[in-house]
Amino acid sequence: MSRETLDRRIRHLLDEILIMDSMVEQATIEAVAALKARDVNTARSIYSGDAQINAKRFELENETMVVLATQQPVMAHDLRLLASILEVTGELERMGDYAKGIAKITLIVGDQPPIKPLIDIPRMSEIAIEMLHRAVSAFVRGDAEEARQIPAMDDEVDDLYNTVYRDLTAIVIQDPTAIDRANYLMWAAHNLERMADRVTNICERTIYIVTGELKELEKSDDELILRHL
């Protein structure tokens, strides 16, 4: 097959990545808004709508495998890109699961009165979504420099997560009967913290496509380094 055909098929896959990203971003925005408003109807819609995100992942994976089988790319950059598309669709699908999980929390708590105003969790959501939007855009453009900058934003998400944890712990100490509601909010915060972590994985894939080096990015550092766990 011609180079033109391969480029066209890859361009289509990247366009579909952008669509899937938009689906995940919207699900996250609506899930957090539903949690804040105790909007059970919206939460139910997000919960059931996760099946569409899953279907988009499988569709993208199938198309990518077809390209690999029929176009038989030989250039290393093409192979890294196609392999990374498979990885990124998986990351996006898992982020959709996090939005579904937040929707499930709303369904569980129903119209129970909130134990604290939701300020930090929506802010976590805003930052995580901004990170995701920038990361997927950098992935599609092949912008390694942009990808290196994004993980530093995760520090703010982590700080907010720690604030939520401290605030909820203090509430439970004062009122042990609030422990279940506190745990649900911690679950929501944890999902958003994990979402931001997965954005870093997308950034790592972008750098891998451009440089051929697959290494972990330190959140607070613009340079690629190995993280020793």
C-alpha atoms as a PDB file:
ATOM      1  CA  MET A   1       0.000   0.000   0.000  1.00  0.00           C
ATOM      2  CA  SER A   2       1.102   3.578  -0.644  1.00  0.00           C
ATOM      3  CA  ARG A   3       2.502   6.020   1.861  1.00  0.00           C
ATOM      4  CA  GLU A   4      -0.493   8.240   1.156  1.00  0.00           C
ATOM      5  CA  THR A   5      -2.911   5.479   2.143  1.00  0.00           C
ATOM      6  CA  LEU A   6      -1.056   4.756   5.375  1.00  0.00           C
ATOM      7  CA  ASP A   7      -0.940   8.439   6.289  1.00  0.00           C
ATOM      8  CA  ARG A   8      -4.663   8.751   5.642  1.00  0.00           C
ATOM      9  CA  ARG A   9      -5.477   5.748   7.830  1.00  0.00           C
ATOM     10  CA  ILE A  10      -3.259   7.043  10.651  1.00  0.00           C
ATOM     11  CA  ARG A  11      -4.864  10.482  10.392  1.00  0.00           C
ATOM     12  CA  HIS A  12      -8.287   8.872  10.759  1.00  0.00           C
ATOM     13  CA  LEU A  13      -7.160   6.976  13.863  1.00  0.00           C
ATOM     14  CA  LEU A  14      -5.839  10.180  15.435  1.00  0.00           C
ATOM     15  CA  ASP A  15      -9.109  11.965  14.669  1.00  0.00           C
ATOM     16  CA  GLU A  16     -10.948   9.141  16.424  1.00  0.00           C
ATOM     17  CA  ILE A  17      -8.625   9.517  19.420  1.00  0.00           C
ATOM     18  CA  LEU A  18      -9.737  13.158  19.645  1.00  0.00           C
ATOM     19  CA  ILE A  19     -13.383  12.062  19.578  1.00  0.00           C
ATOM     20  CA  MET A  20     -12.804   9.505  22.328  1.00  0.00           C
ATOM     21  CA  ASP A  21     -10.962  12.109  24.396  1.00  0.00           C
ATOM     22  CA  SER A  22     -13.928  14.471  24.045  1.00  0.00           C
ATOM     23  CA  MET A  23     -16.254  11.720  25.264  1.00  0.00           C
ATOM     24  CA  VAL A  24     -14.116  11.123  28.350  1.00  0.00           C
ATOM     25  CA  GLU A  25     -13.741  14.820  29.127  1.00  0.00           C
ATOM     26  CA  GLN A  26     -17.488  15.390  28.881  1.00  0.00           C
ATOM     27  CA  ALA A  27     -18.289  12.357  31.021  1.00  0.00           C
ATOM     28  CA  THR A  28     -15.911  13.594  33.713  1.00  0.00           C
ATOM     29  CA  ILE A  29     -17.299  17.129  33.673  1.00  0.00           C
ATOM     30  CA  GLU A  30     -20.871  15.877  33.943  1.00  0.00           C
ATOM     31  CA  ALA A  31     -20.045  13.256  36.581  1.00  0.00           C
ATOM     32  CA  VAL A  32     -18.473  15.801  38.926  1.00  0.00           C
ATOM     33  CA  ALA A  33     -21.279  18.303  38.307  1.00  0.00           C
ATOM     34  CA  ALA A  34     -23.830  15.578  39.071  1.00  0.00           C
ATOM     35  CA  LEU A  35     -22.015  14.712  42.293  1.00  0.00           C
ATOM     36  CA  LYS A  36     -22.010  18.341  43.367  1.00  0.00           C
ATOM     37  CA  ALA A  37     -25.700  18.803  42.525  1.00  0.00           C
ATOM     38  CA  ARG A  38     -26.796  15.326  43.700  1.00  0.00           C
ATOM     39  CA  ASP A  39     -28.226  14.905  40.200  1.00  0.00           C
ATOM     40  CA  VAL A  40     -29.143  11.235  40.085  1.00  0.00           C
ATOM     41  CA  ASN A  41     -30.649  11.360  36.602  1.00  0.00           C
ATOM     42  CA  THR A  42     -27.481  12.738  35.027  1.00  0.00           C
ATOM     43  CA  ALA A  43     -25.388  10.288  37.011  1.00  0.00           C
ATOM     44  CA  ARG A  44     -27.472   7.408  35.715  1.00  0.00           C
ATOM     45  CA  SER A  45     -26.989   8.630  32.144  1.00  0.00           C
ATOM     46  CA  ILE A  46     -23.203   8.858  32.592  1.00  0.00           C
ATOM     47  CA  TYR A  47     -23.079   5.419  34.181  1.00  0.00           C
ATOM     48  CA  SER A  48     -24.882   3.772  31.272  1.00  0.00           C
ATOM     49  CA  GLY A  49     -23.089   5.949  28.707  1.00  0.00           C
ATOM     50  CA  ASP A  50     -19.724   4.453  29.658  1.00  0.00           C
ATOM     51  CA  ALA A  51     -20.578   1.599  27.304  1.00  0.00           C
ATOM     52  CA  GLN A  52     -20.127   4.030  24.397  1.00  0.00           C
ATOM     53  CA  ILE A  53     -16.601   4.873  25.548  1.00  0.00           C
ATOM     54  CA  ASN A  54     -15.815   1.174  25.836  1.00  0.00           C
ATOM     55  CA  ALA A  55     -17.183   0.578  22.339  1.00  0.00           C
ATOM     56  CA  LYS A  56     -15.056   3.400  20.951  1.00  0.00           C
ATOM     57  CA  ARG A  57     -11.972   1.809  22.475  1.00  0.00           C
ATOM     58  CA  PHE A  58     -12.681  -1.564  20.870  1.00  0.00           C
ATOM     59  CA  GLU A  59     -13.450   0.114  17.547  1.00  0.00           C
ATOM     60  CA  LEU A  60     -10.138   1.983  17.626  1.00  0.00           C
ATOM     61  CA  GLU A  61      -8.182  -1.087  18.644  1.00  0.00           C
ATOM     62  CA  ASN A  62      -9.717  -3.086  15.803  1.00  0.00           C
ATOM     63  CA  GLU A  63      -8.995  -0.368  13.244  1.00  0.00           C
ATOM     64  CA  THR A  64      -5.414  -0.064  14.454  1.00  0.00           C
ATOM     65  CA  MET A  65      -4.860  -3.798  14.134  1.00  0.00           C
ATOM     66  CA  VAL A  66      -6.327  -3.722  10.628  1.00  0.00           C
ATOM     67  CA  VAL A  67      -3.882  -0.960   9.663  1.00  0.00           C
ATOM     68  CA  LEU A  68      -0.977  -2.959  11.056  1.00  0.00           C
ATOM     69  CA  ALA A  69      -2.084  -6.063   9.170  1.00  0.00           C
ATOM     70  CA  THR A  70      -2.987  -4.512   5.830  1.00  0.00           C
ATOM     71  CA  GLN A  71      -0.611  -1.563   5.528  1.00  0.00           C
ATOM     72  CA  GLN A  72       2.386  -3.347   7.071  1.00  0.00           C
ATOM     73  CA  PRO A  73       4.281  -0.216   8.101  1.00  0.00           C
ATOM     74  CA  VAL A  74       8.050  -0.642   8.259  1.00  0.00           C
ATOM     75  CA  MET A  75       9.150   2.776   9.516  1.00  0.00           C
ATOM     76  CA  ALA A  76       9.943   2.761  13.227  1.00  0.00           C
ATOM     77  CA  HIS A  77       8.010   5.985  13.837  1.00  0.00           C
ATOM     78  CA  ASP A  78       4.838   4.516  12.310  1.00  0.00           C
ATOM     79  CA  LEU A  79       5.136   1.370  14.397  1.00  0.00           C
ATOM     80  CA  ARG A  80       5.684   3.362  17.599  1.00  0.00           C
ATOM     81  CA  LEU A  81       2.688   5.552  16.776  1.00  0.00           C
ATOM     82  CA  LEU A  82       0.344   2.659  16.076  1.00  0.00           C
ATOM     83  CA  ALA A  83       1.465   0.807  19.193  1.00  0.00           C
ATOM     84  CA  SER A  84       0.933   3.986  21.214  1.00  0.00           C
ATOM     85  CA  ILE A  85      -2.559   4.481  19.793  1.00  0.00           C
ATOM     86  CA  LEU A  86      -3.448   1.097  21.257  1.00  0.00           C
ATOM     87  CA  GLU A  87      -2.024   2.189  24.606  1.00  0.00           C
ATOM     88  CA  VAL A  88      -3.727   5.589  24.652  1.00  0.00           C
ATOM     89  CA  THR A  89      -7.148   4.157  23.840  1.00  0.00           C
ATOM     90  CA  GLY A  90      -6.723   1.908  26.865  1.00  0.00           C
ATOM     91  CA  GLU A  91      -5.797   4.861  29.055  1.00  0.00           C
ATOM     92  CA  LEU A  92      -8.832   6.832  27.862  1.00  0.00           C
ATOM     93  CA  GLU A  93     -11.139   3.878  28.472  1.00  0.00           C
ATOM     94  CA  ARG A  94      -9.899   3.622  32.055  1.00  0.00           C
ATOM     95  CA  MET A  95     -10.456   7.338  32.565  1.00  0.00           C
ATOM     96  CA  GLY A  96     -14.003   6.793  31.376  1.00  0.00           C
ATOM     97  CA  ASP A  97     -14.298   4.173  34.109  1.00  0.00           C
ATOM     98  CA  TYR A  98     -13.283   6.831  36.648  1.00  0.00           C
ATOM     99  CA  ALA A  99     -16.096   9.100  35.459  1.00  0.00           C
ATOM    100  CA  LYS A 100     -18.477   6.148  35.682  1.00  0.00           C
ATOM    101  CA  GLY A 101     -17.236   5.514  39.228  1.00  0.00           C
ATOM    102  CA  ILE A 102     -17.981   9.102  40.254  1.00  0.00           C
ATOM    103  CA  ALA A 103     -21.454   8.776  38.734  1.00  0.00           C
ATOM    104  CA  LYS A 104     -21.963   5.594  40.741  1.00  0.00           C
ATOM    105  CA  ILE A 105     -21.137   7.507  43.926  1.00  0.00           C
ATOM    106  CA  THR A 106     -23.934   9.979  43.138  1.00  0.00           C
ATOM    107  CA  LEU A 107     -26.322   7.080  42.631  1.00  0.00           C
ATOM    108  CA  ILE A 108     -25.300   5.614  45.989  1.00  0.00           C
ATOM    109  CA  VAL A 109     -25.490   8.787  48.067  1.00  0.00           C
ATOM    110  CA  GLY A 110     -28.670   9.979  46.367  1.00  0.00           C
ATOM    111  CA  ASP A 111     -30.061  13.049  48.068  1.00  0.00           C
ATOM    112  CA  GLN A 112     -28.144  12.621  51.319  1.00  0.00           C
ATOM    113  CA  PRO A 113     -26.921  15.996  52.587  1.00  0.00           C
ATOM    114  CA  PRO A 114     -23.265  16.676  51.737  1.00  0.00           C
ATOM    115  CA  ILE A 115     -20.834  16.574  54.642  1.00  0.00           C
ATOM    116  CA  LYS A 116     -18.807  19.447  53.161  1.00  0.00           C
ATOM    117  CA  PRO A 117     -19.077  21.874  50.252  1.00  0.00           C
ATOM    118  CA  LEU A 118     -17.539  20.409  47.098  1.00  0.00           C
ATOM    119  CA  ILE A 119     -14.795  22.864  46.205  1.00  0.00           C
ATOM    120  CA  ASP A 120     -11.556  20.913  45.963  1.00  0.00           C
ATOM    121  CA  ILE A 121     -12.972  17.937  44.048  1.00  0.00           C
ATOM    122  CA  PRO A 122     -14.371  20.092  41.213  1.00  0.00           C
ATOM    123  CA  ARG A 123     -11.024  21.918  41.076  1.00  0.00           C
ATOM    124  CA  MET A 124      -9.241  18.563  40.801  1.00  0.00           C
ATOM    125  CA  SER A 125     -11.557  17.737  37.928  1.00  0.00           C
ATOM    126  CA  GLU A 126     -10.808  21.011  36.137  1.00  0.00           C
ATOM    127  CA  ILE A 127      -7.063  20.487  36.320  1.00  0.00           C
ATOM    128  CA  ALA A 128      -7.222  16.821  35.329  1.00  0.00           C
ATOM    129  CA  ILE A 129      -9.400  17.649  32.320  1.00  0.00           C
ATOM    130  CA  GLU A 130      -7.073  20.451  31.259  1.00  0.00           C
ATOM    131  CA  MET A 131      -4.141  18.053  31.550  1.00  0.00           C
ATOM    132  CA  LEU A 132      -5.959  15.440  29.493  1.00  0.00           C
ATOM    133  CA  HIS A 133      -6.967  17.896  26.785  1.00  0.00           C
ATOM    134  CA  ARG A 134      -3.421  19.187  26.445  1.00  0.00           C
ATOM    135  CA  ALA A 135      -1.914  15.699  26.534  1.00  0.00           C
ATOM    136  CA  VAL A 136      -4.135  14.248  23.815  1.00  0.00           C
ATOM    137  CA  SER A 137      -3.603  17.321  21.660  1.00  0.00           C
ATOM    138  CA  ALA A 138       0.168  16.931  22.076  1.00  0.00           C
ATOM    139  CA  PHE A 139      -0.116  13.233  21.246  1.00  0.00           C
ATOM    140  CA  VAL A 140      -2.008  13.892  18.031  1.00  0.00           C
ATOM    141  CA  ARG A 141       0.426  16.639  16.987  1.00  0.00           C
ATOM    142  CA  GLY A 142       3.509  14.691  18.065  1.00  0.00           C
ATOM    143  CA  ASP A 143       4.585  17.551  20.323  1.00  0.00           C
ATOM    144  CA  ALA A 144       7.135  16.069  22.732  1.00  0.00           C
ATOM    145  CA  GLU A 145       8.033  19.416  24.303  1.00  0.00           C
ATOM    146  CA  GLU A 146       4.429  20.085  25.263  1.00  0.00           C
ATOM    147  CA  ALA A 147       4.152  16.542  26.615  1.00  0.00           C
ATOM    148  CA  ARG A 148       7.122  17.165  28.904  1.00  0.00           C
ATOM    149  CA  GLN A 149       5.439  20.183  30.488  1.00  0.00           C
ATOM    150  CA  ILE A 150       2.062  18.670  31.394  1.00  0.00           C
ATOM    151  CA  PRO A 151       2.943  16.208  34.217  1.00  0.00           C
ATOM    152  CA  ALA A 152       4.042  19.077  36.478  1.00  0.00           C
ATOM    153  CA  MET A 153       0.364  20.043  36.763  1.00  0.00           C
ATOM    154  CA  ASP A 154      -0.267  16.770  38.586  1.00  0.00           C
ATOM    155  CA  ASP A 155       1.395  18.211  41.677  1.00  0.00           C
ATOM    156  CA  GLU A 156      -1.575  20.542  42.152  1.00  0.00           C
ATOM    157  CA  VAL A 157      -3.983  17.626  41.780  1.00  0.00           C
ATOM    158  CA  ASP A 158      -2.044  15.719  44.438  1.00  0.00           C
ATOM    159  CA  ASP A 159      -2.092  18.745  46.766  1.00  0.00           C
ATOM    160  CA  LEU A 160      -5.864  19.042  46.398  1.00  0.00           C
ATOM    161  CA  TYR A 161      -6.258  15.317  46.989  1.00  0.00           C
ATOM    162  CA  ASN A 162      -4.303  15.630  50.239  1.00  0.00           C
ATOM    163  CA  THR A 163      -6.473  18.580  51.257  1.00  0.00           C
ATOM    164  CA  VAL A 164      -9.630  16.547  50.648  1.00  0.00           C
ATOM    165  CA  TYR A 165      -8.193  13.704  52.700  1.00  0.00           C
ATOM    166  CA  ARG A 166      -7.307  15.977  55.634  1.00  0.00           C
ATOM    167  CA  ASP A 167     -10.675  17.742  55.578  1.00  0.00           C
ATOM    168  CA  LEU A 168     -12.654  14.519  55.464  1.00  0.00           C
ATOM    169  CA  THR A 169     -10.559  12.960  58.207  1.00  0.00           C
ATOM    170  CA  ALA A 170     -11.255  15.951  60.438  1.00  0.00           C
ATOM    171  CA  ILE A 171     -14.987  15.680  59.734  1.00  0.00           C
ATOM    172  CA  VAL A 172     -15.066  11.971  60.607  1.00  0.00           C
ATOM    173  CA  ILE A 173     -13.169  12.612  63.841  1.00  0.00           C
ATOM    174  CA  GLN A 174     -15.849  15.119  64.811  1.00  0.00           C
ATOM    175  CA  ASP A 175     -18.737  12.976  63.563  1.00  0.00           C
ATOM    176  CA  PRO A 176     -18.018   9.240  63.155  1.00  0.00           C
ATOM    177  CA  THR A 177     -21.459   8.706  61.595  1.00  0.00           C
ATOM    178  CA  ALA A 178     -20.201  10.584  58.519  1.00  0.00           C
ATOM    179  CA  ILE A 179     -17.616   7.943  57.678  1.00  0.00           C
ATOM    180  CA  ASP A 180     -19.535   6.378  54.790  1.00  0.00           C
ATOM    181  CA  ARG A 181     -20.207   9.701  53.085  1.00  0.00           C
ATOM    182  CA  ALA A 182     -16.594  10.688  53.648  1.00  0.00           C
ATOM    183  CA  ASN A 183     -15.386   7.465  52.047  1.00  0.00           C
ATOM    184  CA  TYR A 184     -17.532   8.102  48.983  1.00  0.00           C
ATOM    185  CA  LEU A 185     -16.008  11.561  48.516  1.00  0.00           C
ATOM    186  CA  MET A 186     -12.532  10.107  48.952  1.00  0.00           C
ATOM    187  CA  TRP A 187     -13.377   7.578  46.259  1.00  0.00           C
ATOM    188  CA  ALA A 188     -14.333  10.424  43.901  1.00  0.00           C
ATOM    189  CA  ALA A 189     -11.140  12.326  44.709  1.00  0.00           C
ATOM    190  CA  HIS A 190      -9.069   9.187  44.215  1.00  0.00           C
ATOM    191  CA  ASN A 191     -10.573   8.635  40.773  1.00  0.00           C
ATOM    192  CA  LEU A 192      -9.574  12.143  39.711  1.00  0.00           C
ATOM    193  CA  GLU A 193      -6.082  11.708  41.154  1.00  0.00           C
ATOM    194  CA  ARG A 194      -5.674   8.502  39.161  1.00  0.00           C
ATOM    195  CA  MET A 195      -6.994  10.218  36.048  1.00  0.00           C
ATOM    196  CA  ALA A 196      -4.208  12.794  36.284  1.00  0.00           C
ATOM    197  CA  ASP A 197      -1.669   9.994  36.714  1.00  0.00           C
ATOM    198  CA  ARG A 198      -2.887   8.320  33.533  1.00  0.00           C
ATOM    199  CA  VAL A 199      -2.494  11.583  31.636  1.00  0.00           C
ATOM    200  CA  THR A 200       1.211  11.323  32.411  1.00  0.00           C
ATOM    201  CA  ASN A 201       1.229   7.930  30.694  1.00  0.00           C
ATOM    202  CA  ILE A 202      -0.101   9.569  27.526  1.00  0.00           C
ATOM    203  CA  CYS A 203       2.637  12.182  27.727  1.00  0.00           C
ATOM    204  CA  GLU A 204       5.235   9.434  28.003  1.00  0.00           C
ATOM    205  CA  ARG A 205       3.842   7.798  24.879  1.00  0.00           C
ATOM    206  CA  THR A 206       4.063  11.062  22.933  1.00  0.00           C
ATOM    207  CA  ILE A 207       7.722  11.419  23.825  1.00  0.00           C
ATOM    208  CA  TYR A 208       8.308   7.777  22.916  1.00  0.00           C
ATOM    209  CA  ILE A 209       6.841   8.271  19.460  1.00  0.00           C
ATOM    210  CA  VAL A 210       9.104  11.254  18.781  1.00  0.00           C
ATOM    211  CA  THR A 211      12.324  10.078  20.440  1.00  0.00           C
ATOM    212  CA  GLY A 212      12.075   6.294  20.537  1.00  0.00           C
ATOM    213  CA  GLU A 213      12.718   6.344  24.292  1.00  0.00           C
ATOM    214  CA  LEU A 214      10.013   5.030  26.623  1.00  0.00           C
ATOM    215  CA  LYS A 215      10.779   6.263  30.136  1.00  0.00           C
ATOM    216  CA  GLU A 216       8.739   7.475  33.059  1.00  0.00           C
ATOM    217  CA  LEU A 217       8.219  11.181  33.541  1.00  0.00           C
ATOM    218  CA  GLU A 218       8.744  12.686  36.943  1.00  0.00           C
ATOM    219  CA  LYS A 219       5.772  14.888  37.720  1.00  0.00           C
ATOM    220  CA  SER A 220       7.745  17.934  38.873  1.00  0.00           C
ATOM    221  CA  ASP A 221      10.546  17.739  36.354  1.00  0.00           C
ATOM    222  CA  ASP A 222      10.629  18.805  32.732  1.00  0.00           C
ATOM    223  CA  GLU A 223      13.332  16.273  31.968  1.00  0.00           C
ATOM    224  CA  LEU A 224      12.865  12.590  31.258  1.00  0.00           C
ATOM    225  CA  ILE A 225      14.227  10.502  34.096  1.00  0.00           C
ATOM    226  CA  LEU A 226      13.824   6.989  35.370  1.00  0.00           C
ATOM    227  CA  ARG A 227      11.660   6.749  38.455  1.00  0.00           C
ATOM    228  CA  HIS A 228      13.011   4.107  40.804  1.00  0.00           C
ATOM    229  CA  LEU A 229      10.091   2.500  42.604  1.00  0.00           C
END
